[in-house]
Amino acid sequence: MNVHSVQGPMSAAAQKPEDKRAKLLDAALELFETRGFDGVAVPEIAKAAGVATGTLYLYFKDKAALVNGLYRHWKGAYNAMVLAPLPEDLGPREIFSRTWQRMTLFAQTYPRAVRFMDLHHHGAYLDAESRSLSRDYAEVAQAFARRARAQGAIRDIDPILIVALMWGAAAGLVKFAASGALTLDTKSATAMEDALWRAIATEESRL
């Protein structure tokens, strides 16, 4: 289900401003995810959203502002789900497991958004506010790595490698699922979690 979808028929004139903005974000997500930033023109996005091109500029000053608005929307939603506080008494393995479960739940629920973020997170058109959302995830991973290393749970590994492993694995599952090569379900997510943990854990923590 699309998180922006408006229920029931509604004329263009009767649509509320937030409805039109949501439709623009929906259309932009589909087009940017399938064709990239440079492969999409503003009038195409407006047409797909069912609004006039001029209407798009009421909400976003240009295409860069639109892709940043879209990125912030989905990265913010991702961070809210994945980085939500966990119980303080959890050990490193449990923290890793719950974080991975949140990541794969998001990927299962919003696969197009995951593919969009994976495609665009290094885009030169992303502004400082958008990039700061990516740093939030990296900072949490670094804090986890420091604690886990201090407890002897994981090897002496650069925290950014943990970010790369987990995000890359989640995005990869989404891509393979889209191609029909696998089903992104609990079984595949759990198998990947085990492989990832074994890649970073000390010998003692793998048992």
N, C-alpha and C. Protein backbone atom coordinates (compact mmCIF):
# COMPACT_ATOMS: atom_id res chain seq x y z
N MET A 1 0.84 -1.20 0.00
CA MET A 1 0.00 0.00 0.00
C MET A 1 0.86 1.24 0.00
N ASN A 2 0.52 2.19 -0.81
CA ASN A 2 1.29 3.42 -0.88
C ASN A 2 0.96 4.30 0.31
N VAL A 3 1.95 4.78 1.01
CA VAL A 3 1.71 5.54 2.22
C VAL A 3 1.09 6.90 1.94
N HIS A 4 1.14 7.36 0.68
CA HIS A 4 0.59 8.67 0.36
C HIS A 4 -0.80 8.60 -0.24
N SER A 5 -1.25 7.41 -0.65
CA SER A 5 -2.46 7.29 -1.45
C SER A 5 -3.65 7.94 -0.76
N VAL A 6 -4.45 8.64 -1.56
CA VAL A 6 -5.66 9.29 -1.08
C VAL A 6 -6.84 8.39 -1.39
N GLN A 7 -7.66 8.10 -0.41
CA GLN A 7 -8.77 7.21 -0.60
C GLN A 7 -9.94 7.93 -1.25
N GLY A 8 -10.54 7.28 -2.26
CA GLY A 8 -11.74 7.80 -2.88
C GLY A 8 -11.45 8.81 -3.96
N PRO A 9 -12.40 8.99 -4.93
CA PRO A 9 -12.22 9.94 -6.02
C PRO A 9 -12.28 11.37 -5.51
N MET A 10 -11.51 12.23 -6.15
CA MET A 10 -11.50 13.63 -5.75
C MET A 10 -11.06 14.46 -6.94
N SER A 11 -11.77 15.49 -7.25
CA SER A 11 -11.41 16.33 -8.38
C SER A 11 -10.16 17.11 -8.06
N ALA A 12 -9.45 17.53 -9.12
CA ALA A 12 -8.20 18.29 -8.92
C ALA A 12 -8.45 19.56 -8.15
N ALA A 13 -9.58 20.19 -8.42
CA ALA A 13 -9.88 21.46 -7.76
C ALA A 13 -10.16 21.26 -6.28
N ALA A 14 -10.71 20.07 -5.92
CA ALA A 14 -11.10 19.83 -4.54
C ALA A 14 -9.96 19.28 -3.69
N GLN A 15 -8.88 18.89 -4.32
CA GLN A 15 -7.78 18.30 -3.57
C GLN A 15 -7.14 19.31 -2.63
N LYS A 16 -6.83 18.86 -1.43
CA LYS A 16 -6.13 19.70 -0.48
C LYS A 16 -4.67 19.82 -0.90
N PRO A 17 -3.99 20.89 -0.47
CA PRO A 17 -2.57 21.05 -0.84
C PRO A 17 -1.71 19.86 -0.48
N GLU A 18 -1.98 19.25 0.71
CA GLU A 18 -1.16 18.12 1.11
C GLU A 18 -1.41 16.90 0.22
N ASP A 19 -2.64 16.81 -0.35
CA ASP A 19 -2.93 15.72 -1.27
C ASP A 19 -2.11 15.86 -2.55
N LYS A 20 -2.04 17.07 -3.07
CA LYS A 20 -1.29 17.30 -4.30
C LYS A 20 0.20 17.07 -4.08
N ARG A 21 0.68 17.52 -2.95
CA ARG A 21 2.10 17.30 -2.64
C ARG A 21 2.40 15.80 -2.53
N ALA A 22 1.49 15.07 -1.89
CA ALA A 22 1.67 13.63 -1.74
C ALA A 22 1.66 12.94 -3.11
N LYS A 23 0.79 13.36 -3.98
CA LYS A 23 0.73 12.78 -5.33
C LYS A 23 2.01 13.06 -6.10
N LEU A 24 2.56 14.24 -5.93
CA LEU A 24 3.83 14.57 -6.58
C LEU A 24 4.96 13.70 -6.05
N LEU A 25 4.98 13.48 -4.75
CA LEU A 25 6.02 12.63 -4.17
C LEU A 25 5.86 11.18 -4.64
N ASP A 26 4.61 10.72 -4.73
CA ASP A 26 4.37 9.36 -5.23
C ASP A 26 4.89 9.20 -6.66
N ALA A 27 4.53 10.16 -7.50
CA ALA A 27 4.95 10.10 -8.90
C ALA A 27 6.46 10.20 -9.03
N ALA A 28 7.06 11.10 -8.25
CA ALA A 28 8.51 11.28 -8.30
C ALA A 28 9.23 10.02 -7.84
N LEU A 29 8.70 9.35 -6.82
CA LEU A 29 9.33 8.12 -6.34
C LEU A 29 9.40 7.08 -7.44
N GLU A 30 8.30 6.87 -8.12
CA GLU A 30 8.26 5.87 -9.19
C GLU A 30 9.22 6.22 -10.32
N LEU A 31 9.21 7.48 -10.74
CA LEU A 31 10.03 7.88 -11.88
C LEU A 31 11.52 7.96 -11.53
N PHE A 32 11.85 8.54 -10.39
CA PHE A 32 13.26 8.63 -10.00
C PHE A 32 13.84 7.25 -9.72
N GLU A 33 13.02 6.37 -9.16
CA GLU A 33 13.52 5.03 -8.82
C GLU A 33 13.78 4.20 -10.08
N THR A 34 12.95 4.37 -11.09
CA THR A 34 13.11 3.56 -12.29
C THR A 34 14.05 4.19 -13.32
N ARG A 35 14.13 5.53 -13.36
CA ARG A 35 14.88 6.18 -14.43
C ARG A 35 15.99 7.10 -13.95
N GLY A 36 16.12 7.28 -12.65
CA GLY A 36 17.18 8.13 -12.14
C GLY A 36 16.83 9.62 -12.21
N PHE A 37 17.65 10.42 -11.54
CA PHE A 37 17.39 11.86 -11.47
C PHE A 37 17.48 12.51 -12.84
N ASP A 38 18.53 12.21 -13.59
CA ASP A 38 18.74 12.87 -14.88
C ASP A 38 17.81 12.37 -15.97
N GLY A 39 17.18 11.22 -15.75
CA GLY A 39 16.33 10.65 -16.79
C GLY A 39 14.88 11.08 -16.72
N VAL A 40 14.56 12.00 -15.83
CA VAL A 40 13.18 12.42 -15.64
C VAL A 40 13.06 13.93 -15.76
N ALA A 41 12.05 14.39 -16.49
CA ALA A 41 11.79 15.82 -16.64
C ALA A 41 10.63 16.23 -15.73
N VAL A 42 10.66 17.46 -15.28
CA VAL A 42 9.63 17.96 -14.38
C VAL A 42 8.22 17.78 -14.95
N PRO A 43 7.95 18.12 -16.22
CA PRO A 43 6.59 17.94 -16.73
C PRO A 43 6.12 16.49 -16.66
N GLU A 44 7.03 15.53 -16.77
CA GLU A 44 6.65 14.12 -16.67
C GLU A 44 6.15 13.78 -15.27
N ILE A 45 6.82 14.34 -14.28
CA ILE A 45 6.41 14.10 -12.89
C ILE A 45 5.03 14.69 -12.65
N ALA A 46 4.84 15.92 -13.10
CA ALA A 46 3.54 16.57 -12.92
C ALA A 46 2.44 15.78 -13.62
N LYS A 47 2.70 15.32 -14.83
CA LYS A 47 1.70 14.56 -15.58
C LYS A 47 1.36 13.27 -14.85
N ALA A 48 2.38 12.57 -14.35
CA ALA A 48 2.14 11.32 -13.63
C ALA A 48 1.36 11.54 -12.35
N ALA A 49 1.52 12.72 -11.75
CA ALA A 49 0.80 13.06 -10.52
C ALA A 49 -0.59 13.58 -10.80
N GLY A 50 -0.88 13.87 -12.07
CA GLY A 50 -2.20 14.38 -12.43
C GLY A 50 -2.40 15.84 -12.09
N VAL A 51 -1.31 16.61 -12.10
CA VAL A 51 -1.40 18.05 -11.83
C VAL A 51 -0.68 18.80 -12.94
N ALA A 52 -0.95 20.10 -13.03
CA ALA A 52 -0.27 20.93 -14.00
C ALA A 52 1.19 21.13 -13.59
N THR A 53 2.05 21.36 -14.58
CA THR A 53 3.46 21.58 -14.28
C THR A 53 3.64 22.76 -13.33
N GLY A 54 2.86 23.81 -13.54
CA GLY A 54 2.94 24.97 -12.67
C GLY A 54 2.61 24.65 -11.23
N THR A 55 1.73 23.68 -11.02
CA THR A 55 1.37 23.29 -9.66
C THR A 55 2.56 22.68 -8.93
N LEU A 56 3.37 21.92 -9.66
CA LEU A 56 4.55 21.32 -9.03
C LEU A 56 5.45 22.40 -8.44
N TYR A 57 5.59 23.51 -9.17
CA TYR A 57 6.48 24.57 -8.70
C TYR A 57 5.92 25.34 -7.51
N LEU A 58 4.66 25.11 -7.17
CA LEU A 58 4.12 25.70 -5.95
C LEU A 58 4.66 24.99 -4.71
N TYR A 59 5.07 23.76 -4.89
CA TYR A 59 5.54 22.96 -3.77
C TYR A 59 7.06 22.76 -3.77
N PHE A 60 7.65 22.75 -4.94
CA PHE A 60 9.09 22.53 -5.08
C PHE A 60 9.64 23.49 -6.12
N LYS A 61 10.68 24.24 -5.77
CA LYS A 61 11.16 25.28 -6.67
C LYS A 61 11.78 24.72 -7.94
N ASP A 62 12.30 23.49 -7.88
CA ASP A 62 12.89 22.87 -9.05
C ASP A 62 13.00 21.36 -8.81
N LYS A 63 13.56 20.65 -9.77
CA LYS A 63 13.67 19.20 -9.65
C LYS A 63 14.57 18.78 -8.50
N ALA A 64 15.62 19.53 -8.26
CA ALA A 64 16.52 19.21 -7.15
C ALA A 64 15.79 19.32 -5.81
N ALA A 65 14.96 20.35 -5.67
CA ALA A 65 14.19 20.50 -4.43
C ALA A 65 13.21 19.34 -4.26
N LEU A 66 12.65 18.87 -5.37
CA LEU A 66 11.73 17.73 -5.31
C LEU A 66 12.44 16.45 -4.90
N VAL A 67 13.59 16.16 -5.50
CA VAL A 67 14.29 14.92 -5.14
C VAL A 67 14.79 14.97 -3.70
N ASN A 68 15.16 16.17 -3.23
CA ASN A 68 15.57 16.29 -1.83
C ASN A 68 14.38 16.12 -0.89
N GLY A 69 13.23 16.68 -1.26
CA GLY A 69 12.03 16.50 -0.46
C GLY A 69 11.64 15.04 -0.38
N LEU A 70 11.76 14.34 -1.49
CA LEU A 70 11.44 12.92 -1.53
C LEU A 70 12.43 12.11 -0.71
N TYR A 71 13.71 12.42 -0.86
CA TYR A 71 14.75 11.70 -0.11
C TYR A 71 14.56 11.90 1.39
N ARG A 72 14.30 13.15 1.80
CA ARG A 72 14.12 13.42 3.23
C ARG A 72 12.88 12.71 3.78
N HIS A 73 11.83 12.67 2.96
CA HIS A 73 10.62 11.97 3.40
C HIS A 73 10.91 10.51 3.72
N TRP A 74 11.57 9.81 2.78
CA TRP A 74 11.78 8.38 2.97
C TRP A 74 12.93 8.08 3.91
N LYS A 75 13.99 8.87 3.87
CA LYS A 75 15.09 8.63 4.80
C LYS A 75 14.65 8.93 6.22
N GLY A 76 13.81 9.95 6.38
CA GLY A 76 13.28 10.25 7.70
C GLY A 76 12.40 9.12 8.22
N ALA A 77 11.57 8.56 7.33
CA ALA A 77 10.72 7.43 7.72
C ALA A 77 11.57 6.21 8.07
N TYR A 78 12.62 6.00 7.29
CA TYR A 78 13.53 4.87 7.54
C TYR A 78 14.22 5.02 8.89
N ASN A 79 14.75 6.19 9.15
CA ASN A 79 15.44 6.43 10.42
C ASN A 79 14.49 6.27 11.61
N ALA A 80 13.24 6.77 11.44
CA ALA A 80 12.27 6.68 12.53
C ALA A 80 12.00 5.23 12.90
N MET A 81 11.96 4.35 11.90
CA MET A 81 11.70 2.94 12.17
C MET A 81 12.96 2.22 12.66
N VAL A 82 14.06 2.38 11.95
CA VAL A 82 15.25 1.58 12.22
C VAL A 82 16.02 2.07 13.45
N LEU A 83 16.04 3.38 13.67
CA LEU A 83 16.85 3.94 14.75
C LEU A 83 16.06 4.22 16.02
N ALA A 84 14.82 3.79 16.07
CA ALA A 84 14.03 3.99 17.29
C ALA A 84 14.75 3.34 18.47
N PRO A 85 14.68 3.94 19.65
CA PRO A 85 15.41 3.42 20.81
C PRO A 85 15.06 1.96 21.11
N LEU A 86 16.07 1.22 21.55
CA LEU A 86 15.91 -0.17 21.95
C LEU A 86 16.08 -0.27 23.47
N PRO A 87 15.60 -1.35 24.08
CA PRO A 87 15.82 -1.52 25.52
C PRO A 87 17.30 -1.47 25.86
N GLU A 88 17.64 -0.81 26.94
CA GLU A 88 19.04 -0.58 27.28
C GLU A 88 19.76 -1.85 27.73
N ASP A 89 19.02 -2.88 28.11
CA ASP A 89 19.67 -4.08 28.65
C ASP A 89 20.00 -5.12 27.57
N LEU A 90 19.80 -4.78 26.30
CA LEU A 90 20.09 -5.73 25.24
C LEU A 90 21.60 -5.83 25.00
N GLY A 91 22.06 -7.04 24.69
CA GLY A 91 23.45 -7.23 24.33
C GLY A 91 23.68 -6.95 22.86
N PRO A 92 24.94 -6.94 22.42
CA PRO A 92 25.27 -6.61 21.02
C PRO A 92 24.55 -7.49 20.00
N ARG A 93 24.48 -8.80 20.26
CA ARG A 93 23.83 -9.68 19.29
C ARG A 93 22.35 -9.35 19.16
N GLU A 94 21.70 -9.06 20.27
CA GLU A 94 20.27 -8.74 20.23
C GLU A 94 20.04 -7.39 19.55
N ILE A 95 20.92 -6.44 19.82
CA ILE A 95 20.79 -5.13 19.16
C ILE A 95 20.94 -5.28 17.65
N PHE A 96 21.94 -6.04 17.25
CA PHE A 96 22.17 -6.29 15.83
C PHE A 96 20.94 -6.95 15.20
N SER A 97 20.40 -7.95 15.87
CA SER A 97 19.26 -8.69 15.33
C SER A 97 18.03 -7.80 15.19
N ARG A 98 17.72 -7.04 16.21
CA ARG A 98 16.52 -6.19 16.15
C ARG A 98 16.67 -5.08 15.12
N THR A 99 17.86 -4.54 15.01
CA THR A 99 18.08 -3.51 14.00
C THR A 99 17.91 -4.09 12.61
N TRP A 100 18.48 -5.26 12.38
CA TRP A 100 18.32 -5.90 11.08
C TRP A 100 16.86 -6.24 10.79
N GLN A 101 16.13 -6.70 11.77
CA GLN A 101 14.71 -7.00 11.59
C GLN A 101 13.94 -5.75 11.19
N ARG A 102 14.27 -4.61 11.79
CA ARG A 102 13.62 -3.36 11.41
C ARG A 102 13.97 -2.97 9.98
N MET A 103 15.24 -3.14 9.62
CA MET A 103 15.66 -2.81 8.26
C MET A 103 14.92 -3.65 7.22
N THR A 104 14.82 -4.94 7.49
CA THR A 104 14.17 -5.81 6.51
C THR A 104 12.66 -5.62 6.50
N LEU A 105 12.07 -5.26 7.65
CA LEU A 105 10.64 -4.94 7.67
C LEU A 105 10.37 -3.72 6.80
N PHE A 106 11.22 -2.71 6.93
CA PHE A 106 11.05 -1.52 6.09
C PHE A 106 11.21 -1.89 4.62
N ALA A 107 12.21 -2.72 4.33
CA ALA A 107 12.46 -3.12 2.95
C ALA A 107 11.30 -3.92 2.37
N GLN A 108 10.70 -4.79 3.18
CA GLN A 108 9.55 -5.56 2.73
C GLN A 108 8.35 -4.67 2.49
N THR A 109 8.18 -3.66 3.34
CA THR A 109 7.00 -2.79 3.27
C THR A 109 7.14 -1.73 2.18
N TYR A 110 8.33 -1.18 2.03
CA TYR A 110 8.55 -0.09 1.07
C TYR A 110 9.75 -0.40 0.16
N PRO A 111 9.68 -1.45 -0.63
CA PRO A 111 10.84 -1.81 -1.46
C PRO A 111 11.23 -0.73 -2.47
N ARG A 112 10.26 -0.04 -3.03
CA ARG A 112 10.59 1.01 -4.01
C ARG A 112 11.36 2.14 -3.34
N ALA A 113 10.98 2.49 -2.13
CA ALA A 113 11.68 3.54 -1.40
C ALA A 113 13.12 3.13 -1.11
N VAL A 114 13.34 1.86 -0.77
CA VAL A 114 14.71 1.38 -0.51
C VAL A 114 15.54 1.46 -1.79
N ARG A 115 14.96 1.06 -2.91
CA ARG A 115 15.70 1.14 -4.18
C ARG A 115 16.00 2.59 -4.53
N PHE A 116 15.06 3.49 -4.28
CA PHE A 116 15.27 4.91 -4.54
C PHE A 116 16.42 5.45 -3.69
N MET A 117 16.40 5.16 -2.39
CA MET A 117 17.46 5.67 -1.51
C MET A 117 18.81 5.09 -1.88
N ASP A 118 18.84 3.83 -2.24
CA ASP A 118 20.10 3.19 -2.62
C ASP A 118 20.68 3.83 -3.88
N LEU A 119 19.80 4.20 -4.81
CA LEU A 119 20.24 4.79 -6.07
C LEU A 119 20.71 6.23 -5.90
N HIS A 120 20.10 6.94 -4.97
CA HIS A 120 20.32 8.39 -4.92
C HIS A 120 21.15 8.88 -3.73
N HIS A 121 21.55 8.00 -2.81
CA HIS A 121 22.14 8.53 -1.58
C HIS A 121 23.51 9.17 -1.78
N HIS A 122 24.14 8.97 -2.95
CA HIS A 122 25.40 9.65 -3.23
C HIS A 122 25.23 10.76 -4.27
N GLY A 123 24.00 11.10 -4.60
CA GLY A 123 23.74 12.09 -5.65
C GLY A 123 24.29 13.46 -5.30
N ALA A 124 24.93 14.10 -6.25
CA ALA A 124 25.50 15.43 -6.03
C ALA A 124 24.41 16.46 -5.77
N TYR A 125 23.19 16.16 -6.15
CA TYR A 125 22.07 17.08 -6.00
C TYR A 125 21.47 17.06 -4.60
N LEU A 126 21.89 16.11 -3.75
CA LEU A 126 21.38 16.10 -2.38
C LEU A 126 22.01 17.24 -1.59
N ASP A 127 21.19 17.93 -0.80
CA ASP A 127 21.68 19.07 -0.03
C ASP A 127 22.13 18.62 1.36
N ALA A 128 22.58 19.58 2.15
CA ALA A 128 23.15 19.28 3.46
C ALA A 128 22.13 18.63 4.38
N GLU A 129 20.89 19.08 4.33
CA GLU A 129 19.86 18.50 5.19
C GLU A 129 19.61 17.04 4.85
N SER A 130 19.58 16.73 3.57
CA SER A 130 19.38 15.34 3.15
C SER A 130 20.55 14.47 3.59
N ARG A 131 21.77 14.96 3.41
CA ARG A 131 22.95 14.18 3.77
C ARG A 131 23.04 13.95 5.27
N SER A 132 22.52 14.90 6.04
CA SER A 132 22.59 14.74 7.49
C SER A 132 21.78 13.54 7.96
N LEU A 133 20.72 13.19 7.23
CA LEU A 133 19.90 12.04 7.60
C LEU A 133 20.68 10.74 7.42
N SER A 134 21.55 10.69 6.42
CA SER A 134 22.39 9.51 6.24
C SER A 134 23.45 9.42 7.34
N ARG A 135 23.92 10.56 7.79
CA ARG A 135 24.91 10.55 8.87
C ARG A 135 24.32 10.04 10.18
N ASP A 136 23.02 10.29 10.38
CA ASP A 136 22.36 9.81 11.60
C ASP A 136 22.52 8.30 11.75
N TYR A 137 22.28 7.58 10.66
CA TYR A 137 22.39 6.12 10.68
C TYR A 137 23.84 5.71 10.93
N ALA A 138 24.78 6.38 10.27
CA ALA A 138 26.19 6.05 10.44
C ALA A 138 26.64 6.28 11.88
N GLU A 139 26.16 7.33 12.50
CA GLU A 139 26.56 7.63 13.87
C GLU A 139 26.06 6.57 14.84
N VAL A 140 24.84 6.09 14.62
CA VAL A 140 24.30 5.03 15.47
C VAL A 140 25.13 3.75 15.30
N ALA A 141 25.48 3.43 14.06
CA ALA A 141 26.29 2.24 13.79
C ALA A 141 27.66 2.35 14.45
N GLN A 142 28.26 3.53 14.42
CA GLN A 142 29.56 3.73 15.04
C GLN A 142 29.48 3.54 16.56
N ALA A 143 28.42 4.07 17.16
CA ALA A 143 28.25 3.92 18.60
C ALA A 143 28.06 2.45 18.95
N PHE A 144 27.29 1.73 18.15
CA PHE A 144 27.10 0.29 18.38
C PHE A 144 28.44 -0.44 18.27
N ALA A 145 29.22 -0.13 17.24
CA ALA A 145 30.49 -0.81 17.03
C ALA A 145 31.45 -0.58 18.19
N ARG A 146 31.50 0.63 18.71
CA ARG A 146 32.38 0.92 19.84
C ARG A 146 31.99 0.09 21.07
N ARG A 147 30.69 0.04 21.36
CA ARG A 147 30.25 -0.73 22.52
C ARG A 147 30.48 -2.23 22.32
N ALA A 148 30.15 -2.71 21.13
CA ALA A 148 30.28 -4.14 20.85
C ALA A 148 31.74 -4.58 20.88
N ARG A 149 32.64 -3.73 20.37
CA ARG A 149 34.06 -4.06 20.42
C ARG A 149 34.56 -4.08 21.86
N ALA A 150 34.10 -3.10 22.65
CA ALA A 150 34.53 -3.03 24.06
C ALA A 150 34.07 -4.27 24.83
N GLN A 151 32.98 -4.87 24.41
CA GLN A 151 32.45 -6.06 25.08
C GLN A 151 32.98 -7.35 24.46
N GLY A 152 33.84 -7.22 23.45
CA GLY A 152 34.42 -8.39 22.81
C GLY A 152 33.47 -9.15 21.92
N ALA A 153 32.39 -8.50 21.47
CA ALA A 153 31.38 -9.20 20.67
C ALA A 153 31.71 -9.18 19.18
N ILE A 154 32.36 -8.12 18.71
CA ILE A 154 32.70 -8.03 17.29
C ILE A 154 34.19 -7.76 17.13
N ARG A 155 34.67 -8.07 15.96
CA ARG A 155 36.09 -7.86 15.67
C ARG A 155 36.40 -6.37 15.54
N ASP A 156 37.68 -6.04 15.50
CA ASP A 156 38.11 -4.65 15.36
C ASP A 156 37.91 -4.25 13.90
N ILE A 157 36.71 -3.80 13.62
CA ILE A 157 36.31 -3.49 12.25
C ILE A 157 35.82 -2.06 12.16
N ASP A 158 36.14 -1.40 11.06
CA ASP A 158 35.71 -0.02 10.86
C ASP A 158 34.18 0.03 10.87
N PRO A 159 33.57 0.88 11.70
CA PRO A 159 32.12 0.94 11.79
C PRO A 159 31.44 1.20 10.44
N ILE A 160 32.11 1.93 9.56
CA ILE A 160 31.48 2.21 8.27
C ILE A 160 31.30 0.93 7.46
N LEU A 161 32.15 -0.06 7.73
CA LEU A 161 31.98 -1.35 7.05
C LEU A 161 30.71 -2.05 7.52
N ILE A 162 30.36 -1.85 8.78
CA ILE A 162 29.10 -2.42 9.28
C ILE A 162 27.92 -1.77 8.58
N VAL A 163 28.00 -0.44 8.41
CA VAL A 163 26.95 0.28 7.68
C VAL A 163 26.84 -0.26 6.26
N ALA A 164 27.99 -0.41 5.61
CA ALA A 164 27.99 -0.87 4.22
C ALA A 164 27.46 -2.29 4.12
N LEU A 165 27.85 -3.15 5.03
CA LEU A 165 27.39 -4.54 5.01
C LEU A 165 25.88 -4.63 5.19
N MET A 166 25.36 -3.95 6.19
CA MET A 166 23.94 -4.08 6.51
C MET A 166 23.05 -3.41 5.47
N TRP A 167 23.41 -2.16 5.09
CA TRP A 167 22.60 -1.48 4.09
C TRP A 167 22.69 -2.19 2.74
N GLY A 168 23.91 -2.57 2.36
CA GLY A 168 24.09 -3.24 1.08
C GLY A 168 23.34 -4.56 1.02
N ALA A 169 23.34 -5.28 2.13
CA ALA A 169 22.62 -6.56 2.16
C ALA A 169 21.12 -6.35 2.06
N ALA A 170 20.59 -5.38 2.78
CA ALA A 170 19.14 -5.11 2.73
C ALA A 170 18.72 -4.65 1.34
N ALA A 171 19.50 -3.73 0.76
CA ALA A 171 19.17 -3.25 -0.59
C ALA A 171 19.31 -4.37 -1.61
N GLY A 172 20.30 -5.24 -1.41
CA GLY A 172 20.48 -6.36 -2.32
C GLY A 172 19.32 -7.33 -2.27
N LEU A 173 18.80 -7.60 -1.08
CA LEU A 173 17.63 -8.47 -0.96
C LEU A 173 16.44 -7.89 -1.72
N VAL A 174 16.25 -6.58 -1.60
CA VAL A 174 15.15 -5.93 -2.31
C VAL A 174 15.31 -6.08 -3.82
N LYS A 175 16.52 -5.87 -4.31
CA LYS A 175 16.76 -5.96 -5.76
C LYS A 175 16.54 -7.38 -6.27
N PHE A 176 17.05 -8.36 -5.54
CA PHE A 176 16.87 -9.74 -5.98
C PHE A 176 15.41 -10.17 -5.89
N ALA A 177 14.71 -9.65 -4.88
CA ALA A 177 13.28 -9.95 -4.77
C ALA A 177 12.51 -9.36 -5.94
N ALA A 178 12.88 -8.15 -6.35
CA ALA A 178 12.20 -7.50 -7.48
C ALA A 178 12.43 -8.27 -8.77
N SER A 179 13.59 -8.90 -8.90
CA SER A 179 13.91 -9.65 -10.11
C SER A 179 13.31 -11.05 -10.10
N GLY A 180 12.77 -11.46 -8.96
CA GLY A 180 12.20 -12.79 -8.83
C GLY A 180 13.20 -13.85 -8.45
N ALA A 181 14.44 -13.45 -8.15
CA ALA A 181 15.48 -14.41 -7.81
C ALA A 181 15.30 -15.01 -6.42
N LEU A 182 14.63 -14.27 -5.55
CA LEU A 182 14.35 -14.78 -4.21
C LEU A 182 13.10 -14.11 -3.67
N THR A 183 12.62 -14.61 -2.55
CA THR A 183 11.49 -14.00 -1.86
C THR A 183 12.02 -13.34 -0.60
N LEU A 184 11.73 -12.07 -0.43
CA LEU A 184 12.17 -11.36 0.77
C LEU A 184 11.17 -11.67 1.88
N ASP A 185 11.47 -12.69 2.64
CA ASP A 185 10.60 -13.11 3.73
C ASP A 185 11.44 -13.36 4.98
N THR A 186 10.81 -13.87 6.02
CA THR A 186 11.52 -14.09 7.27
C THR A 186 12.68 -15.06 7.10
N LYS A 187 12.49 -16.09 6.29
CA LYS A 187 13.53 -17.09 6.10
C LYS A 187 14.77 -16.49 5.46
N SER A 188 14.61 -15.75 4.37
CA SER A 188 15.77 -15.16 3.70
C SER A 188 16.41 -14.06 4.54
N ALA A 189 15.57 -13.28 5.24
CA ALA A 189 16.10 -12.21 6.08
C ALA A 189 16.92 -12.79 7.24
N THR A 190 16.44 -13.89 7.83
CA THR A 190 17.15 -14.51 8.94
C THR A 190 18.47 -15.14 8.48
N ALA A 191 18.44 -15.76 7.31
CA ALA A 191 19.67 -16.36 6.77
C ALA A 191 20.72 -15.28 6.51
N MET A 192 20.29 -14.13 5.99
CA MET A 192 21.21 -13.04 5.74
C MET A 192 21.72 -12.45 7.05
N GLU A 193 20.85 -12.34 8.03
CA GLU A 193 21.28 -11.82 9.33
C GLU A 193 22.39 -12.68 9.93
N ASP A 194 22.22 -13.99 9.86
CA ASP A 194 23.23 -14.90 10.40
C ASP A 194 24.57 -14.74 9.68
N ALA A 195 24.50 -14.59 8.35
CA ALA A 195 25.73 -14.43 7.57
C ALA A 195 26.43 -13.11 7.92
N LEU A 196 25.66 -12.06 8.08
CA LEU A 196 26.23 -10.76 8.42
C LEU A 196 26.87 -10.78 9.80
N TRP A 197 26.18 -11.38 10.76
CA TRP A 197 26.75 -11.43 12.12
C TRP A 197 28.05 -12.20 12.14
N ARG A 198 28.08 -13.32 11.43
CA ARG A 198 29.30 -14.12 11.38
C ARG A 198 30.45 -13.36 10.72
N ALA A 199 30.10 -12.42 9.84
CA ALA A 199 31.14 -11.64 9.16
C ALA A 199 31.84 -10.65 10.09
N ILE A 200 31.14 -10.21 11.14
CA ILE A 200 31.72 -9.18 12.00
C ILE A 200 32.00 -9.67 13.43
N ALA A 201 31.43 -10.79 13.82
CA ALA A 201 31.52 -11.23 15.21
C ALA A 201 32.86 -11.89 15.51
N THR A 202 33.26 -11.84 16.76
CA THR A 202 34.42 -12.61 17.20
C THR A 202 34.06 -14.08 17.23
N GLU A 203 35.06 -14.94 17.34
CA GLU A 203 34.81 -16.38 17.38
C GLU A 203 33.87 -16.75 18.51
N GLU A 204 34.08 -16.15 19.66
CA GLU A 204 33.27 -16.47 20.83
C GLU A 204 31.81 -16.06 20.63
N SER A 205 31.58 -14.96 19.95
CA SER A 205 30.22 -14.46 19.76
C SER A 205 29.45 -15.18 18.69
N ARG A 206 30.13 -15.98 17.87
CA ARG A 206 29.45 -16.72 16.81
C ARG A 206 28.76 -17.96 17.33
N LEU A 207 29.10 -18.38 18.52
CA LEU A 207 28.55 -19.62 19.07
C LEU A 207 27.12 -19.42 19.54
